[in-house]
Every structure is written in structure tokens, then in C-alpha cells.
Amino acid sequence: MKRIDLGEVPYLEAIEDMRTWVEQRQNNLIEDRLVLLTHPAVITYGARTPPAELPKHGDIPVIPVDRGGQATYHGPGQLIGYLVIDLRQRGPGDIVRWLENGLITALDSLGFTLIRRDTPPGSQSLVGVWTPDHRKIASIGMRIRRGVTSHGFSLNITSDLAVYQSFTACGLPGVPMTSLAGLTGDVPSENKVRDAVAAALGAI
């Protein structure tokens, strides 16, 4: 899988680029890729998000998207990873669980003990990466179309967590969100986090 590093990219611009990459991957014009980047502040939400879970006011743009999952935040201090992977060649498997475990492995290499959680039947999804005391640090929302994945994850490094008070994150009312900075006074640099994530996911 190819690693591509970008800086801060406006959300809508990145989504247009991702659509192009997906089409190219569907036609075997590019290889699997992990794109690491950041976004200016934006709140995005999937089609199943109830209007009551979205912000009532504020200056942050709110944008509907074609991924799984519900409302989430992207912004400064956060690492975004978009995965364009051909599952027809990779073979069957739970891509979301693979991504959760990869992020956990990456963060473990940086000294953080994190977990994934199973979703009880009939409950709201607990997909993502969590602290052992059930604070959420990484959100995951993906789409698979014609065998190729798009979208991916957001990982809070030094994110402003106050923004999560303005909407219902991930369809989980009152979910406590955290960041690497919220877990330690010695925060790894974004570049170190990028390297760890890429290594754990097999991106070069």
C-alpha cells in the first residue's frame, strides 16, 4: 500500500480527490493507498444522522457525506487517514476491525494503551478506538463501492475537544472524547504519529 502525505487540505477538495482515486483504483490505474492529511475545522455527517444530533449554531461548516457513521469533527490537531483499498484483491475480511487494530498497534508503539469495543446487539455503533475507561480518541467511517474503500479515520492528537460539546459525536450522546494530549503531557509530534500509523497499516 502506498503512503501519501499531504498537509492541510480543505475537506471538499479532499473528497473530490478521493473520488478520483477510488475510480482509478476500481480500474486498476493506481495501487492501494493511505493518504494522511489534516483539515480545517468541519463537522461531517452520514445519511442516517438525525438532525437533532447536528449543531444548532456556530461558525464551523456542517457537511453531509457518503460514508458510514454519523456526525464527527475534523480540524486542527487531528490526523486524518483516507484509505483507498481494493478489497477484491485483498480478499474478504472486516476492514473496519483491521483499521481499529492497526491504529491500536500504532499508538501502542508510541506508549498509549488503547482498545476497540464490540457493539452490543441493538446498540449504537462503538466502532473506533477507545481508552480502557471508554473515552473515544479515534473515529472511523468508511464506504465500500465496487469493491474499493474510501474515507477512513480521524485521530485526535491535540484537537480542541470543546467543539464536541456542540453536537452528538458518532451518534453517542454524552460520549467522552479525548486526544493524545489529553492522555499525556508528552505528546508525540504529528510526524511521529503519521509514521507509526503508516507502519502499522503496512503503508510505504
N, C-alpha and C. Protein backbone atom coordinates (compact mmCIF):
# COMPACT_ATOMS: atom_id res chain seq x y z
N MET A 1 0.86 -1.19 0.00
CA MET A 1 0.00 0.00 0.00
C MET A 1 0.89 1.24 0.00
N LYS A 2 0.57 2.19 -0.82
CA LYS A 2 1.37 3.40 -0.95
C LYS A 2 0.94 4.45 0.08
N ARG A 3 1.93 5.05 0.72
CA ARG A 3 1.69 6.14 1.67
C ARG A 3 1.82 7.47 0.94
N ILE A 4 0.82 8.34 1.15
CA ILE A 4 0.85 9.68 0.59
C ILE A 4 0.63 10.67 1.72
N ASP A 5 1.57 11.60 1.91
CA ASP A 5 1.46 12.60 2.96
C ASP A 5 1.09 13.95 2.36
N LEU A 6 0.04 14.54 2.88
CA LEU A 6 -0.39 15.87 2.50
C LEU A 6 -0.43 16.74 3.75
N GLY A 7 -0.51 18.04 3.55
CA GLY A 7 -0.67 18.96 4.67
C GLY A 7 -2.15 19.20 4.95
N GLU A 8 -2.50 20.46 5.22
CA GLU A 8 -3.90 20.80 5.45
C GLU A 8 -4.60 20.98 4.12
N VAL A 9 -5.67 20.22 3.91
CA VAL A 9 -6.43 20.26 2.66
C VAL A 9 -7.89 20.54 3.00
N PRO A 10 -8.54 21.52 2.35
CA PRO A 10 -9.97 21.74 2.59
C PRO A 10 -10.76 20.46 2.37
N TYR A 11 -11.75 20.23 3.22
CA TYR A 11 -12.47 18.96 3.20
C TYR A 11 -13.06 18.64 1.84
N LEU A 12 -13.79 19.56 1.23
CA LEU A 12 -14.45 19.27 -0.04
C LEU A 12 -13.45 19.00 -1.15
N GLU A 13 -12.30 19.66 -1.10
CA GLU A 13 -11.25 19.40 -2.08
C GLU A 13 -10.72 17.97 -1.92
N ALA A 14 -10.52 17.55 -0.67
CA ALA A 14 -10.01 16.21 -0.41
C ALA A 14 -11.01 15.15 -0.86
N ILE A 15 -12.29 15.41 -0.66
CA ILE A 15 -13.32 14.44 -1.06
C ILE A 15 -13.35 14.28 -2.57
N GLU A 16 -13.20 15.37 -3.30
CA GLU A 16 -13.15 15.26 -4.77
C GLU A 16 -11.94 14.47 -5.21
N ASP A 17 -10.80 14.71 -4.58
CA ASP A 17 -9.60 13.93 -4.91
C ASP A 17 -9.83 12.46 -4.60
N MET A 18 -10.48 12.18 -3.47
CA MET A 18 -10.70 10.79 -3.08
C MET A 18 -11.61 10.07 -4.08
N ARG A 19 -12.62 10.75 -4.58
CA ARG A 19 -13.49 10.14 -5.59
C ARG A 19 -12.68 9.75 -6.83
N THR A 20 -11.74 10.61 -7.21
CA THR A 20 -10.88 10.30 -8.35
C THR A 20 -10.02 9.08 -8.06
N TRP A 21 -9.43 9.03 -6.85
CA TRP A 21 -8.58 7.89 -6.50
C TRP A 21 -9.38 6.59 -6.51
N VAL A 22 -10.59 6.64 -5.99
CA VAL A 22 -11.43 5.43 -5.94
C VAL A 22 -11.71 4.92 -7.36
N GLU A 23 -12.08 5.84 -8.24
CA GLU A 23 -12.34 5.43 -9.62
C GLU A 23 -11.08 4.85 -10.27
N GLN A 24 -9.95 5.47 -10.01
CA GLN A 24 -8.70 4.96 -10.56
C GLN A 24 -8.38 3.57 -10.00
N ARG A 25 -8.65 3.37 -8.72
CA ARG A 25 -8.36 2.05 -8.12
C ARG A 25 -9.32 1.00 -8.65
N GLN A 26 -10.57 1.38 -8.85
CA GLN A 26 -11.54 0.43 -9.40
C GLN A 26 -11.13 -0.06 -10.78
N ASN A 27 -10.39 0.79 -11.50
CA ASN A 27 -9.94 0.45 -12.85
C ASN A 27 -8.47 0.03 -12.89
N ASN A 28 -7.92 -0.27 -11.69
CA ASN A 28 -6.54 -0.75 -11.58
C ASN A 28 -5.51 0.21 -12.17
N LEU A 29 -5.77 1.51 -12.05
CA LEU A 29 -4.83 2.51 -12.57
C LEU A 29 -3.85 2.97 -11.49
N ILE A 30 -4.18 2.73 -10.22
CA ILE A 30 -3.28 3.05 -9.12
C ILE A 30 -3.29 1.87 -8.15
N GLU A 31 -2.32 1.86 -7.23
CA GLU A 31 -2.29 0.82 -6.20
C GLU A 31 -3.05 1.29 -4.97
N ASP A 32 -3.24 0.38 -4.02
CA ASP A 32 -3.86 0.76 -2.75
C ASP A 32 -3.07 1.91 -2.14
N ARG A 33 -3.79 2.81 -1.45
CA ARG A 33 -3.09 3.95 -0.86
C ARG A 33 -3.69 4.37 0.47
N LEU A 34 -2.80 4.86 1.33
CA LEU A 34 -3.16 5.51 2.57
C LEU A 34 -2.76 6.96 2.44
N VAL A 35 -3.73 7.87 2.53
CA VAL A 35 -3.47 9.30 2.42
C VAL A 35 -3.60 9.92 3.80
N LEU A 36 -2.53 10.53 4.29
CA LEU A 36 -2.51 11.16 5.61
C LEU A 36 -2.51 12.67 5.44
N LEU A 37 -3.43 13.34 6.14
CA LEU A 37 -3.59 14.79 5.96
C LEU A 37 -4.33 15.38 7.15
N THR A 38 -4.57 16.68 7.10
CA THR A 38 -5.39 17.37 8.08
C THR A 38 -6.41 18.23 7.35
N HIS A 39 -7.44 18.65 8.07
CA HIS A 39 -8.47 19.53 7.51
C HIS A 39 -8.65 20.77 8.37
N PRO A 40 -9.05 21.89 7.75
CA PRO A 40 -9.60 22.99 8.55
C PRO A 40 -10.87 22.50 9.26
N ALA A 41 -11.30 23.20 10.28
CA ALA A 41 -12.44 22.75 11.08
C ALA A 41 -13.69 22.52 10.24
N VAL A 42 -14.29 21.34 10.40
CA VAL A 42 -15.52 20.99 9.70
C VAL A 42 -16.21 19.87 10.47
N ILE A 43 -17.52 19.86 10.46
CA ILE A 43 -18.30 18.75 11.01
C ILE A 43 -18.98 18.05 9.85
N THR A 44 -18.81 16.73 9.76
CA THR A 44 -19.42 15.96 8.68
C THR A 44 -20.38 14.94 9.27
N TYR A 45 -21.33 14.50 8.45
CA TYR A 45 -22.31 13.53 8.96
C TYR A 45 -22.81 12.63 7.84
N GLY A 46 -23.07 11.37 8.20
CA GLY A 46 -23.61 10.40 7.27
C GLY A 46 -25.11 10.55 7.10
N ALA A 47 -25.66 9.80 6.15
CA ALA A 47 -27.06 9.95 5.75
C ALA A 47 -28.04 9.60 6.87
N ARG A 48 -27.64 8.76 7.80
CA ARG A 48 -28.55 8.30 8.85
C ARG A 48 -28.50 9.17 10.10
N THR A 49 -27.80 10.28 10.05
CA THR A 49 -27.68 11.15 11.23
C THR A 49 -28.96 11.95 11.44
N PRO A 50 -29.62 11.81 12.60
CA PRO A 50 -30.80 12.62 12.88
C PRO A 50 -30.44 14.11 12.97
N PRO A 51 -31.28 14.99 12.45
CA PRO A 51 -30.99 16.42 12.52
C PRO A 51 -30.73 16.91 13.94
N ALA A 52 -31.37 16.30 14.92
CA ALA A 52 -31.20 16.73 16.31
C ALA A 52 -29.79 16.53 16.82
N GLU A 53 -29.00 15.69 16.14
CA GLU A 53 -27.63 15.43 16.58
C GLU A 53 -26.62 16.41 16.00
N LEU A 54 -27.07 17.30 15.12
CA LEU A 54 -26.17 18.26 14.48
C LEU A 54 -26.15 19.58 15.25
N PRO A 55 -25.12 20.39 15.06
CA PRO A 55 -25.05 21.67 15.78
C PRO A 55 -26.24 22.57 15.44
N LYS A 56 -26.71 23.30 16.42
CA LYS A 56 -27.82 24.23 16.20
C LYS A 56 -27.32 25.57 15.67
N HIS A 57 -26.07 25.89 15.95
CA HIS A 57 -25.48 27.15 15.51
C HIS A 57 -23.97 27.02 15.61
N GLY A 58 -23.27 28.02 15.11
CA GLY A 58 -21.82 28.01 15.19
C GLY A 58 -21.19 28.36 13.85
N ASP A 59 -19.89 28.57 13.87
CA ASP A 59 -19.18 29.02 12.69
C ASP A 59 -18.52 27.88 11.91
N ILE A 60 -18.59 26.66 12.42
CA ILE A 60 -17.94 25.54 11.75
C ILE A 60 -18.86 24.98 10.66
N PRO A 61 -18.38 24.84 9.42
CA PRO A 61 -19.23 24.27 8.36
C PRO A 61 -19.70 22.86 8.73
N VAL A 62 -20.93 22.55 8.32
CA VAL A 62 -21.52 21.23 8.56
C VAL A 62 -21.87 20.64 7.19
N ILE A 63 -21.27 19.48 6.87
CA ILE A 63 -21.31 18.96 5.50
C ILE A 63 -21.77 17.50 5.49
N PRO A 64 -22.80 17.17 4.67
CA PRO A 64 -23.20 15.75 4.53
C PRO A 64 -22.17 14.99 3.69
N VAL A 65 -21.99 13.71 4.01
CA VAL A 65 -21.01 12.89 3.30
C VAL A 65 -21.60 11.52 2.98
N ASP A 66 -20.91 10.78 2.08
CA ASP A 66 -21.42 9.49 1.62
C ASP A 66 -20.74 8.30 2.29
N ARG A 67 -20.27 8.48 3.52
CA ARG A 67 -19.62 7.41 4.26
C ARG A 67 -20.58 6.81 5.29
N GLY A 68 -20.13 5.71 5.90
CA GLY A 68 -20.85 5.20 7.04
C GLY A 68 -20.58 6.05 8.26
N GLY A 69 -21.30 5.80 9.31
CA GLY A 69 -21.11 6.55 10.54
C GLY A 69 -21.99 7.78 10.59
N GLN A 70 -21.93 8.48 11.71
CA GLN A 70 -22.78 9.65 11.90
C GLN A 70 -21.92 10.91 12.01
N ALA A 71 -22.32 11.84 12.84
CA ALA A 71 -21.62 13.13 12.84
C ALA A 71 -20.27 13.02 13.53
N THR A 72 -19.27 13.68 12.95
CA THR A 72 -17.96 13.76 13.57
C THR A 72 -17.29 15.07 13.20
N TYR A 73 -16.19 15.34 13.86
CA TYR A 73 -15.46 16.60 13.69
C TYR A 73 -14.10 16.34 13.08
N HIS A 74 -13.67 17.20 12.16
CA HIS A 74 -12.31 17.22 11.67
C HIS A 74 -11.77 18.63 11.88
N GLY A 75 -10.50 18.73 12.27
CA GLY A 75 -9.95 20.06 12.47
C GLY A 75 -8.49 20.03 12.85
N PRO A 76 -7.92 21.19 13.13
CA PRO A 76 -6.51 21.29 13.51
C PRO A 76 -6.18 20.40 14.70
N GLY A 77 -4.98 19.85 14.71
CA GLY A 77 -4.57 18.98 15.80
C GLY A 77 -5.04 17.56 15.65
N GLN A 78 -5.58 17.24 14.50
CA GLN A 78 -6.13 15.90 14.27
C GLN A 78 -5.49 15.31 13.01
N LEU A 79 -5.20 14.02 13.05
CA LEU A 79 -4.67 13.33 11.88
C LEU A 79 -5.81 12.59 11.18
N ILE A 80 -5.95 12.86 9.88
CA ILE A 80 -6.95 12.18 9.06
C ILE A 80 -6.24 11.16 8.18
N GLY A 81 -6.84 9.99 8.05
CA GLY A 81 -6.32 8.99 7.14
C GLY A 81 -7.40 8.48 6.22
N TYR A 82 -7.20 8.64 4.92
CA TYR A 82 -8.13 8.10 3.93
C TYR A 82 -7.52 6.86 3.30
N LEU A 83 -8.29 5.80 3.23
CA LEU A 83 -7.83 4.52 2.71
C LEU A 83 -8.58 4.18 1.44
N VAL A 84 -7.82 4.01 0.37
CA VAL A 84 -8.38 3.58 -0.91
C VAL A 84 -7.78 2.20 -1.18
N ILE A 85 -8.54 1.16 -0.86
CA ILE A 85 -8.06 -0.23 -0.89
C ILE A 85 -9.01 -1.09 -1.71
N ASP A 86 -8.44 -1.88 -2.60
CA ASP A 86 -9.23 -2.80 -3.42
C ASP A 86 -9.44 -4.09 -2.64
N LEU A 87 -10.63 -4.26 -2.09
CA LEU A 87 -10.91 -5.46 -1.30
C LEU A 87 -11.09 -6.69 -2.18
N ARG A 88 -11.30 -6.49 -3.47
CA ARG A 88 -11.42 -7.64 -4.38
C ARG A 88 -10.08 -8.36 -4.49
N GLN A 89 -8.99 -7.62 -4.38
CA GLN A 89 -7.67 -8.22 -4.43
C GLN A 89 -7.17 -8.58 -3.03
N ARG A 90 -7.58 -7.82 -2.06
CA ARG A 90 -7.14 -8.05 -0.68
C ARG A 90 -7.79 -9.30 -0.11
N GLY A 91 -9.01 -9.59 -0.53
CA GLY A 91 -9.74 -10.73 -0.01
C GLY A 91 -10.74 -10.31 1.05
N PRO A 92 -11.62 -11.22 1.44
CA PRO A 92 -12.67 -10.89 2.42
C PRO A 92 -12.06 -10.60 3.79
N GLY A 93 -12.77 -9.89 4.57
CA GLY A 93 -12.31 -9.54 5.91
C GLY A 93 -12.99 -8.27 6.36
N ASP A 94 -12.93 -8.04 7.66
CA ASP A 94 -13.57 -6.86 8.24
C ASP A 94 -12.57 -5.71 8.21
N ILE A 95 -12.70 -4.84 7.22
CA ILE A 95 -11.74 -3.75 7.03
C ILE A 95 -11.77 -2.77 8.20
N VAL A 96 -12.94 -2.60 8.82
CA VAL A 96 -13.04 -1.66 9.93
C VAL A 96 -12.28 -2.19 11.14
N ARG A 97 -12.45 -3.48 11.43
CA ARG A 97 -11.73 -4.07 12.58
C ARG A 97 -10.22 -4.08 12.31
N TRP A 98 -9.84 -4.34 11.07
CA TRP A 98 -8.43 -4.27 10.71
C TRP A 98 -7.86 -2.88 10.96
N LEU A 99 -8.64 -1.86 10.62
CA LEU A 99 -8.19 -0.48 10.83
C LEU A 99 -8.13 -0.15 12.32
N GLU A 100 -9.14 -0.54 13.06
CA GLU A 100 -9.10 -0.33 14.51
C GLU A 100 -7.83 -0.94 15.12
N ASN A 101 -7.59 -2.21 14.79
CA ASN A 101 -6.43 -2.90 15.36
C ASN A 101 -5.11 -2.27 14.91
N GLY A 102 -5.07 -1.78 13.66
CA GLY A 102 -3.87 -1.11 13.18
C GLY A 102 -3.58 0.17 13.94
N LEU A 103 -4.62 0.97 14.20
CA LEU A 103 -4.43 2.20 14.97
C LEU A 103 -4.00 1.89 16.40
N ILE A 104 -4.58 0.85 16.98
CA ILE A 104 -4.20 0.45 18.34
C ILE A 104 -2.73 0.05 18.37
N THR A 105 -2.30 -0.72 17.39
CA THR A 105 -0.90 -1.13 17.31
C THR A 105 0.02 0.08 17.15
N ALA A 106 -0.39 1.01 16.28
CA ALA A 106 0.42 2.22 16.06
C ALA A 106 0.58 3.02 17.34
N LEU A 107 -0.51 3.21 18.05
CA LEU A 107 -0.45 4.03 19.25
C LEU A 107 0.24 3.30 20.40
N ASP A 108 0.14 1.98 20.41
CA ASP A 108 0.88 1.21 21.41
C ASP A 108 2.39 1.41 21.23
N SER A 109 2.83 1.52 19.98
CA SER A 109 4.26 1.74 19.73
C SER A 109 4.73 3.10 20.22
N LEU A 110 3.77 4.00 20.45
CA LEU A 110 4.09 5.33 20.96
C LEU A 110 3.85 5.44 22.47
N GLY A 111 3.47 4.32 23.09
CA GLY A 111 3.30 4.30 24.53
C GLY A 111 1.88 4.46 25.03
N PHE A 112 0.90 4.34 24.15
CA PHE A 112 -0.50 4.52 24.55
C PHE A 112 -1.23 3.17 24.52
N THR A 113 -1.92 2.85 25.61
CA THR A 113 -2.70 1.63 25.68
C THR A 113 -4.15 1.95 25.34
N LEU A 114 -4.62 1.42 24.21
CA LEU A 114 -5.97 1.72 23.74
C LEU A 114 -6.66 0.41 23.33
N ILE A 115 -7.96 0.48 23.13
CA ILE A 115 -8.74 -0.72 22.87
C ILE A 115 -9.78 -0.46 21.78
N ARG A 116 -10.32 -1.54 21.23
CA ARG A 116 -11.54 -1.48 20.42
C ARG A 116 -12.67 -2.07 21.24
N ARG A 117 -13.90 -1.74 20.87
CA ARG A 117 -15.06 -2.20 21.63
C ARG A 117 -16.05 -2.88 20.70
N ASP A 118 -16.64 -3.98 21.16
CA ASP A 118 -17.70 -4.63 20.41
C ASP A 118 -19.01 -3.92 20.68
N THR A 119 -19.87 -3.87 19.67
CA THR A 119 -21.16 -3.21 19.80
C THR A 119 -22.22 -4.22 20.24
N PRO A 120 -22.86 -4.03 21.39
CA PRO A 120 -23.93 -4.94 21.81
C PRO A 120 -25.09 -4.91 20.82
N PRO A 121 -25.79 -6.02 20.63
CA PRO A 121 -26.94 -6.04 19.71
C PRO A 121 -27.96 -4.96 20.05
N GLY A 122 -28.38 -4.24 19.01
CA GLY A 122 -29.39 -3.21 19.20
C GLY A 122 -28.86 -1.89 19.72
N SER A 123 -27.56 -1.78 19.90
CA SER A 123 -26.97 -0.55 20.43
C SER A 123 -26.34 0.27 19.32
N GLN A 124 -26.07 1.54 19.62
CA GLN A 124 -25.38 2.39 18.66
C GLN A 124 -23.95 1.89 18.49
N SER A 125 -23.41 2.07 17.28
CA SER A 125 -22.09 1.53 16.96
C SER A 125 -20.99 2.09 17.85
N LEU A 126 -20.12 1.20 18.30
CA LEU A 126 -18.95 1.59 19.09
C LEU A 126 -17.67 1.47 18.28
N VAL A 127 -17.80 1.51 16.95
CA VAL A 127 -16.63 1.48 16.08
C VAL A 127 -15.70 2.64 16.42
N GLY A 128 -14.40 2.37 16.41
CA GLY A 128 -13.41 3.41 16.69
C GLY A 128 -12.34 2.88 17.64
N VAL A 129 -11.55 3.78 18.18
CA VAL A 129 -10.51 3.42 19.13
C VAL A 129 -10.78 4.18 20.42
N TRP A 130 -10.62 3.46 21.54
CA TRP A 130 -11.03 3.97 22.84
C TRP A 130 -9.93 3.77 23.87
N THR A 131 -9.99 4.57 24.93
CA THR A 131 -9.16 4.32 26.10
C THR A 131 -9.82 3.20 26.90
N PRO A 132 -9.07 2.54 27.79
CA PRO A 132 -9.67 1.49 28.61
C PRO A 132 -10.85 1.97 29.46
N ASP A 133 -10.87 3.27 29.79
CA ASP A 133 -12.01 3.80 30.56
C ASP A 133 -13.08 4.40 29.65
N HIS A 134 -13.06 4.02 28.37
CA HIS A 134 -14.13 4.29 27.41
C HIS A 134 -14.27 5.76 27.02
N ARG A 135 -13.13 6.43 26.85
CA ARG A 135 -13.12 7.72 26.16
C ARG A 135 -12.68 7.47 24.72
N LYS A 136 -13.31 8.12 23.78
CA LYS A 136 -13.02 7.85 22.37
C LYS A 136 -11.94 8.79 21.86
N ILE A 137 -10.95 8.22 21.16
CA ILE A 137 -9.84 9.02 20.67
C ILE A 137 -9.74 9.01 19.15
N ALA A 138 -10.32 8.00 18.51
CA ALA A 138 -10.29 7.93 17.05
C ALA A 138 -11.64 7.46 16.53
N SER A 139 -12.12 8.13 15.49
CA SER A 139 -13.38 7.76 14.85
C SER A 139 -13.10 7.17 13.48
N ILE A 140 -13.97 6.24 13.08
CA ILE A 140 -13.82 5.56 11.79
C ILE A 140 -15.15 5.59 11.05
N GLY A 141 -15.10 5.96 9.79
CA GLY A 141 -16.28 5.92 8.92
C GLY A 141 -15.82 5.62 7.51
N MET A 142 -16.31 4.54 6.93
CA MET A 142 -15.82 4.12 5.61
C MET A 142 -16.98 3.81 4.67
N ARG A 143 -16.63 3.73 3.40
CA ARG A 143 -17.59 3.33 2.38
C ARG A 143 -16.90 2.33 1.45
N ILE A 144 -17.65 1.35 0.99
CA ILE A 144 -17.13 0.41 0.00
C ILE A 144 -18.03 0.48 -1.23
N ARG A 145 -17.43 0.78 -2.36
CA ARG A 145 -18.18 0.87 -3.60
C ARG A 145 -17.41 0.13 -4.70
N ARG A 146 -18.09 -0.80 -5.34
CA ARG A 146 -17.46 -1.64 -6.37
C ARG A 146 -16.14 -2.23 -5.87
N GLY A 147 -16.17 -2.68 -4.61
CA GLY A 147 -15.04 -3.38 -4.04
C GLY A 147 -13.90 -2.53 -3.54
N VAL A 148 -14.03 -1.19 -3.60
CA VAL A 148 -12.94 -0.30 -3.19
C VAL A 148 -13.40 0.59 -2.04
N THR A 149 -12.55 0.71 -1.03
CA THR A 149 -12.89 1.52 0.14
C THR A 149 -12.61 3.00 -0.10
N SER A 150 -13.27 3.83 0.67
CA SER A 150 -12.97 5.26 0.71
C SER A 150 -13.24 5.76 2.12
N HIS A 151 -12.88 7.01 2.38
CA HIS A 151 -12.93 7.62 3.71
C HIS A 151 -11.97 6.86 4.63
N GLY A 152 -12.15 6.91 5.94
CA GLY A 152 -11.18 6.27 6.81
C GLY A 152 -11.33 6.66 8.26
N PHE A 153 -10.31 7.32 8.82
CA PHE A 153 -10.31 7.59 10.26
C PHE A 153 -9.89 9.02 10.56
N SER A 154 -10.22 9.46 11.77
CA SER A 154 -9.71 10.71 12.33
C SER A 154 -9.20 10.40 13.73
N LEU A 155 -7.99 10.86 14.02
CA LEU A 155 -7.33 10.59 15.30
C LEU A 155 -6.99 11.91 15.96
N ASN A 156 -7.49 12.10 17.17
CA ASN A 156 -7.24 13.34 17.91
C ASN A 156 -5.85 13.31 18.54
N ILE A 157 -5.01 14.25 18.13
CA ILE A 157 -3.67 14.39 18.72
C ILE A 157 -3.68 15.54 19.71
N THR A 158 -3.91 16.75 19.22
CA THR A 158 -4.01 17.93 20.10
C THR A 158 -5.29 18.69 19.79
N SER A 159 -6.32 18.00 19.37
CA SER A 159 -7.57 18.62 18.93
C SER A 159 -8.22 19.44 20.05
N ASP A 160 -8.96 20.48 19.64
CA ASP A 160 -9.80 21.25 20.57
C ASP A 160 -11.04 20.41 20.84
N LEU A 161 -11.11 19.81 22.01
CA LEU A 161 -12.21 18.89 22.33
C LEU A 161 -13.50 19.62 22.64
N ALA A 162 -13.45 20.94 22.87
CA ALA A 162 -14.66 21.68 23.23
C ALA A 162 -15.70 21.64 22.12
N VAL A 163 -15.26 21.52 20.86
CA VAL A 163 -16.20 21.52 19.74
C VAL A 163 -17.16 20.34 19.82
N TYR A 164 -16.76 19.26 20.45
CA TYR A 164 -17.63 18.08 20.54
C TYR A 164 -18.85 18.34 21.42
N GLN A 165 -18.83 19.42 22.18
CA GLN A 165 -19.99 19.75 23.01
C GLN A 165 -21.13 20.34 22.19
N SER A 166 -20.85 20.71 20.93
CA SER A 166 -21.88 21.39 20.12
C SER A 166 -22.74 20.43 19.30
N PHE A 167 -22.42 19.13 19.31
CA PHE A 167 -23.21 18.16 18.54
C PHE A 167 -23.04 16.78 19.17
N THR A 168 -23.80 15.82 18.69
CA THR A 168 -23.70 14.45 19.19
C THR A 168 -22.69 13.69 18.34
N ALA A 169 -21.54 13.42 18.90
CA ALA A 169 -20.48 12.75 18.15
C ALA A 169 -20.78 11.27 17.99
N CYS A 170 -20.71 10.79 16.75
CA CYS A 170 -20.81 9.36 16.44
C CYS A 170 -22.14 8.74 16.87
N GLY A 171 -23.16 9.57 17.03
CA GLY A 171 -24.46 9.06 17.45
C GLY A 171 -24.50 8.58 18.88
N LEU A 172 -23.54 9.00 19.69
CA LEU A 172 -23.43 8.54 21.08
C LEU A 172 -23.57 9.74 22.01
N PRO A 173 -24.78 10.03 22.49
CA PRO A 173 -24.97 11.19 23.37
C PRO A 173 -24.06 11.11 24.60
N GLY A 174 -23.36 12.22 24.83
CA GLY A 174 -22.52 12.29 26.01
C GLY A 174 -21.22 11.51 25.92
N VAL A 175 -20.88 11.02 24.72
CA VAL A 175 -19.64 10.26 24.60
C VAL A 175 -18.45 11.14 24.99
N PRO A 176 -17.59 10.69 25.90
CA PRO A 176 -16.41 11.49 26.25
C PRO A 176 -15.33 11.32 25.20
N MET A 177 -14.99 12.40 24.53
CA MET A 177 -13.92 12.39 23.53
C MET A 177 -12.62 12.83 24.19
N THR A 178 -11.51 12.29 23.72
CA THR A 178 -10.22 12.68 24.24
C THR A 178 -9.21 12.78 23.10
N SER A 179 -7.97 13.05 23.45
CA SER A 179 -6.89 13.20 22.48
C SER A 179 -5.61 12.64 23.10
N LEU A 180 -4.57 12.48 22.28
CA LEU A 180 -3.30 12.06 22.85
C LEU A 180 -2.80 13.08 23.88
N ALA A 181 -3.04 14.37 23.59
CA ALA A 181 -2.65 15.41 24.54
C ALA A 181 -3.43 15.30 25.84
N GLY A 182 -4.65 14.79 25.76
CA GLY A 182 -5.45 14.62 26.96
C GLY A 182 -5.02 13.43 27.80
N LEU A 183 -4.17 12.57 27.23
CA LEU A 183 -3.73 11.37 27.94
C LEU A 183 -2.33 11.50 28.52
N THR A 184 -1.55 12.47 28.01
CA THR A 184 -0.16 12.60 28.45
C THR A 184 0.33 14.02 28.27
N GLY A 185 1.30 14.39 29.07
CA GLY A 185 1.92 15.70 28.91
C GLY A 185 3.01 15.70 27.85
N ASP A 186 3.42 14.49 27.45
CA ASP A 186 4.48 14.35 26.45
C ASP A 186 3.85 13.87 25.15
N VAL A 187 3.35 14.80 24.35
CA VAL A 187 2.60 14.45 23.15
C VAL A 187 3.56 14.19 21.99
N PRO A 188 3.44 13.05 21.32
CA PRO A 188 4.30 12.81 20.15
C PRO A 188 3.97 13.78 19.03
N SER A 189 4.94 14.10 18.22
CA SER A 189 4.69 15.00 17.10
C SER A 189 3.76 14.34 16.09
N GLU A 190 3.12 15.16 15.28
CA GLU A 190 2.25 14.60 14.24
C GLU A 190 3.03 13.70 13.30
N ASN A 191 4.26 14.07 12.98
CA ASN A 191 5.07 13.24 12.09
C ASN A 191 5.33 11.86 12.69
N LYS A 192 5.58 11.80 14.00
CA LYS A 192 5.77 10.50 14.64
C LYS A 192 4.50 9.67 14.59
N VAL A 193 3.36 10.32 14.78
CA VAL A 193 2.09 9.60 14.72
C VAL A 193 1.85 9.10 13.30
N ARG A 194 2.12 9.94 12.31
CA ARG A 194 1.97 9.52 10.92
C ARG A 194 2.83 8.28 10.62
N ASP A 195 4.08 8.33 11.06
CA ASP A 195 4.99 7.21 10.79
C ASP A 195 4.49 5.93 11.45
N ALA A 196 4.02 6.05 12.69
CA ALA A 196 3.55 4.87 13.42
C ALA A 196 2.32 4.27 12.76
N VAL A 197 1.40 5.12 12.35
CA VAL A 197 0.17 4.65 11.70
C VAL A 197 0.50 3.98 10.37
N ALA A 198 1.33 4.63 9.59
CA ALA A 198 1.69 4.07 8.28
C ALA A 198 2.36 2.70 8.45
N ALA A 199 3.27 2.59 9.42
CA ALA A 199 3.96 1.33 9.65
C ALA A 199 2.98 0.24 10.07
N ALA A 200 2.06 0.57 10.95
CA ALA A 200 1.12 -0.44 11.45
C ALA A 200 0.15 -0.91 10.36
N LEU A 201 -0.15 -0.02 9.41
CA LEU A 201 -1.10 -0.36 8.34
C LEU A 201 -0.38 -0.89 7.10
N GLY A 202 0.93 -0.96 7.14
CA GLY A 202 1.69 -1.51 6.02
C GLY A 202 1.79 -0.59 4.84
N ALA A 203 1.80 0.73 5.09
CA ALA A 203 1.91 1.71 4.00
C ALA A 203 3.33 2.21 3.90
N ILE A 204 3.88 2.24 2.69
CA ILE A 204 5.26 2.66 2.50
C ILE A 204 5.33 3.72 1.41
